[in-house]
């Protein structure tokens, strides 16, 4: 992997060369999909289990 998250975790591999488009492979072990925020909505982060 060669792409790093803001927290420092390696999360993906970016593949490219001078004549082909970029291709990004996300690590399923390190990346998860979350719903997008709507304009004006507050960000809600999950707390530890049980909260």
N, C-alpha and C. Protein backbone atom coordinates (compact mmCIF):
# COMPACT_ATOMS: atom_id res chain seq x y z
N UNK A 1 0.84 -1.18 0.00
CA UNK A 1 0.00 0.00 0.00
C UNK A 1 0.89 1.24 0.00
N UNK A 2 0.42 2.28 -0.68
CA UNK A 2 1.23 3.48 -0.77
C UNK A 2 0.43 4.78 -0.57
N UNK A 3 -0.81 4.67 -0.11
CA UNK A 3 -1.62 5.86 0.17
C UNK A 3 -1.97 5.88 1.65
N UNK A 4 -1.77 7.03 2.29
CA UNK A 4 -1.90 7.14 3.74
C UNK A 4 -3.10 8.01 4.11
N UNK A 5 -3.85 7.60 5.12
CA UNK A 5 -4.96 8.37 5.70
C UNK A 5 -4.37 9.53 6.51
N UNK A 6 -5.19 10.52 6.82
CA UNK A 6 -4.75 11.64 7.65
C UNK A 6 -4.26 11.18 9.02
N UNK A 7 -4.76 10.01 9.49
CA UNK A 7 -4.33 9.50 10.80
C UNK A 7 -3.02 8.73 10.72
N UNK A 8 -2.48 8.51 9.50
CA UNK A 8 -1.21 7.82 9.35
C UNK A 8 -1.32 6.37 8.94
N UNK A 9 -2.53 5.82 8.83
CA UNK A 9 -2.73 4.43 8.46
C UNK A 9 -2.65 4.26 6.94
N UNK A 10 -1.93 3.23 6.49
CA UNK A 10 -1.91 2.91 5.06
C UNK A 10 -3.27 2.35 4.68
N UNK A 11 -3.92 2.92 3.66
CA UNK A 11 -5.30 2.54 3.35
C UNK A 11 -5.55 2.11 1.91
N UNK A 12 -4.60 2.34 0.99
CA UNK A 12 -4.87 2.05 -0.41
C UNK A 12 -3.58 1.94 -1.20
N UNK A 13 -3.72 1.41 -2.42
CA UNK A 13 -2.62 1.36 -3.37
C UNK A 13 -3.03 2.14 -4.61
N UNK A 14 -2.21 3.09 -5.01
CA UNK A 14 -2.45 3.87 -6.22
C UNK A 14 -1.53 3.34 -7.31
N UNK A 15 -2.12 2.94 -8.44
CA UNK A 15 -1.36 2.42 -9.57
C UNK A 15 -1.55 3.35 -10.75
N UNK A 16 -0.45 3.70 -11.42
CA UNK A 16 -0.54 4.54 -12.61
C UNK A 16 0.79 4.51 -13.35
N UNK A 17 0.76 4.96 -14.61
CA UNK A 17 1.98 5.20 -15.35
C UNK A 17 1.72 6.38 -16.28
N UNK A 18 2.63 6.69 -17.15
CA UNK A 18 2.51 7.91 -17.94
C UNK A 18 1.45 7.85 -19.04
N UNK A 19 0.93 6.67 -19.39
CA UNK A 19 -0.02 6.60 -20.51
C UNK A 19 -1.38 6.01 -20.13
N UNK A 20 -1.56 5.55 -18.92
CA UNK A 20 -2.83 4.95 -18.50
C UNK A 20 -3.44 5.75 -17.35
N UNK A 21 -4.77 5.66 -17.20
CA UNK A 21 -5.42 6.39 -16.10
C UNK A 21 -5.01 5.83 -14.73
N UNK A 22 -5.23 6.63 -13.72
CA UNK A 22 -4.96 6.21 -12.35
C UNK A 22 -5.96 5.15 -11.93
N UNK A 23 -5.53 4.26 -11.06
CA UNK A 23 -6.39 3.23 -10.49
C UNK A 23 -6.08 3.16 -9.00
N UNK A 24 -7.11 3.26 -8.17
CA UNK A 24 -6.94 3.25 -6.72
C UNK A 24 -7.62 2.02 -6.15
N UNK A 25 -6.89 1.22 -5.40
CA UNK A 25 -7.42 0.02 -4.75
C UNK A 25 -7.45 0.28 -3.25
N UNK A 26 -8.66 0.40 -2.69
CA UNK A 26 -8.80 0.64 -1.25
C UNK A 26 -8.71 -0.69 -0.51
N UNK A 27 -8.13 -0.65 0.67
CA UNK A 27 -8.01 -1.84 1.52
C UNK A 27 -9.31 -2.04 2.29
N UNK A 28 -9.97 -3.15 2.07
CA UNK A 28 -11.23 -3.45 2.77
C UNK A 28 -11.02 -3.60 4.28
N UNK A 29 -9.80 -3.93 4.68
CA UNK A 29 -9.50 -4.08 6.10
C UNK A 29 -9.31 -2.73 6.80
N UNK A 30 -9.09 -1.65 6.02
CA UNK A 30 -8.80 -0.36 6.62
C UNK A 30 -9.77 0.76 6.25
N UNK A 31 -10.66 0.52 5.30
CA UNK A 31 -11.56 1.57 4.80
C UNK A 31 -12.99 1.07 4.87
N UNK A 32 -13.91 1.95 5.25
CA UNK A 32 -15.33 1.60 5.27
C UNK A 32 -16.15 2.75 4.71
N UNK A 33 -17.27 2.41 4.11
CA UNK A 33 -18.15 3.44 3.56
C UNK A 33 -19.03 4.00 4.67
N UNK A 34 -19.21 5.31 4.68
CA UNK A 34 -20.10 5.97 5.62
C UNK A 34 -20.99 6.93 4.84
N UNK A 35 -22.20 7.19 5.32
CA UNK A 35 -23.09 8.11 4.61
C UNK A 35 -22.47 9.51 4.53
N UNK A 36 -22.73 10.18 3.44
CA UNK A 36 -22.25 11.55 3.26
C UNK A 36 -23.05 12.50 4.15
N UNK A 37 -22.40 13.57 4.59
CA UNK A 37 -23.08 14.58 5.39
C UNK A 37 -23.86 15.51 4.47
N UNK A 38 -25.02 15.94 4.91
CA UNK A 38 -25.79 16.94 4.19
C UNK A 38 -25.35 18.32 4.65
N UNK A 39 -25.49 19.31 3.81
CA UNK A 39 -25.10 20.68 4.16
C UNK A 39 -25.79 21.10 5.45
N UNK A 40 -25.03 21.60 6.40
CA UNK A 40 -25.57 22.08 7.66
C UNK A 40 -25.74 21.01 8.71
N UNK A 41 -25.50 19.74 8.37
CA UNK A 41 -25.67 18.66 9.35
C UNK A 41 -24.41 18.54 10.20
N UNK A 42 -24.58 18.13 11.46
CA UNK A 42 -23.44 17.91 12.34
C UNK A 42 -22.87 16.53 12.09
N UNK A 43 -21.55 16.42 12.23
CA UNK A 43 -20.91 15.12 12.10
C UNK A 43 -21.14 14.34 13.37
N UNK A 44 -21.54 13.08 13.24
CA UNK A 44 -21.75 12.21 14.39
C UNK A 44 -20.78 11.07 14.27
N UNK A 45 -19.90 10.94 15.26
CA UNK A 45 -18.93 9.86 15.25
C UNK A 45 -19.35 8.81 16.26
N UNK A 46 -19.27 7.54 15.87
CA UNK A 46 -19.63 6.48 16.82
C UNK A 46 -18.66 6.45 17.99
N UNK A 47 -19.16 6.22 19.17
CA UNK A 47 -18.33 6.10 20.34
C UNK A 47 -17.93 4.66 20.57
N UNK A 48 -17.25 4.39 21.66
CA UNK A 48 -16.89 3.01 21.97
C UNK A 48 -18.14 2.15 22.12
N UNK A 49 -17.98 0.86 21.93
CA UNK A 49 -19.11 -0.07 22.03
C UNK A 49 -19.83 0.10 23.36
N UNK A 50 -21.12 0.06 23.32
CA UNK A 50 -21.91 0.17 24.53
C UNK A 50 -22.34 1.58 24.86
N UNK A 51 -21.96 2.58 24.08
CA UNK A 51 -22.35 3.95 24.38
C UNK A 51 -23.43 4.40 23.44
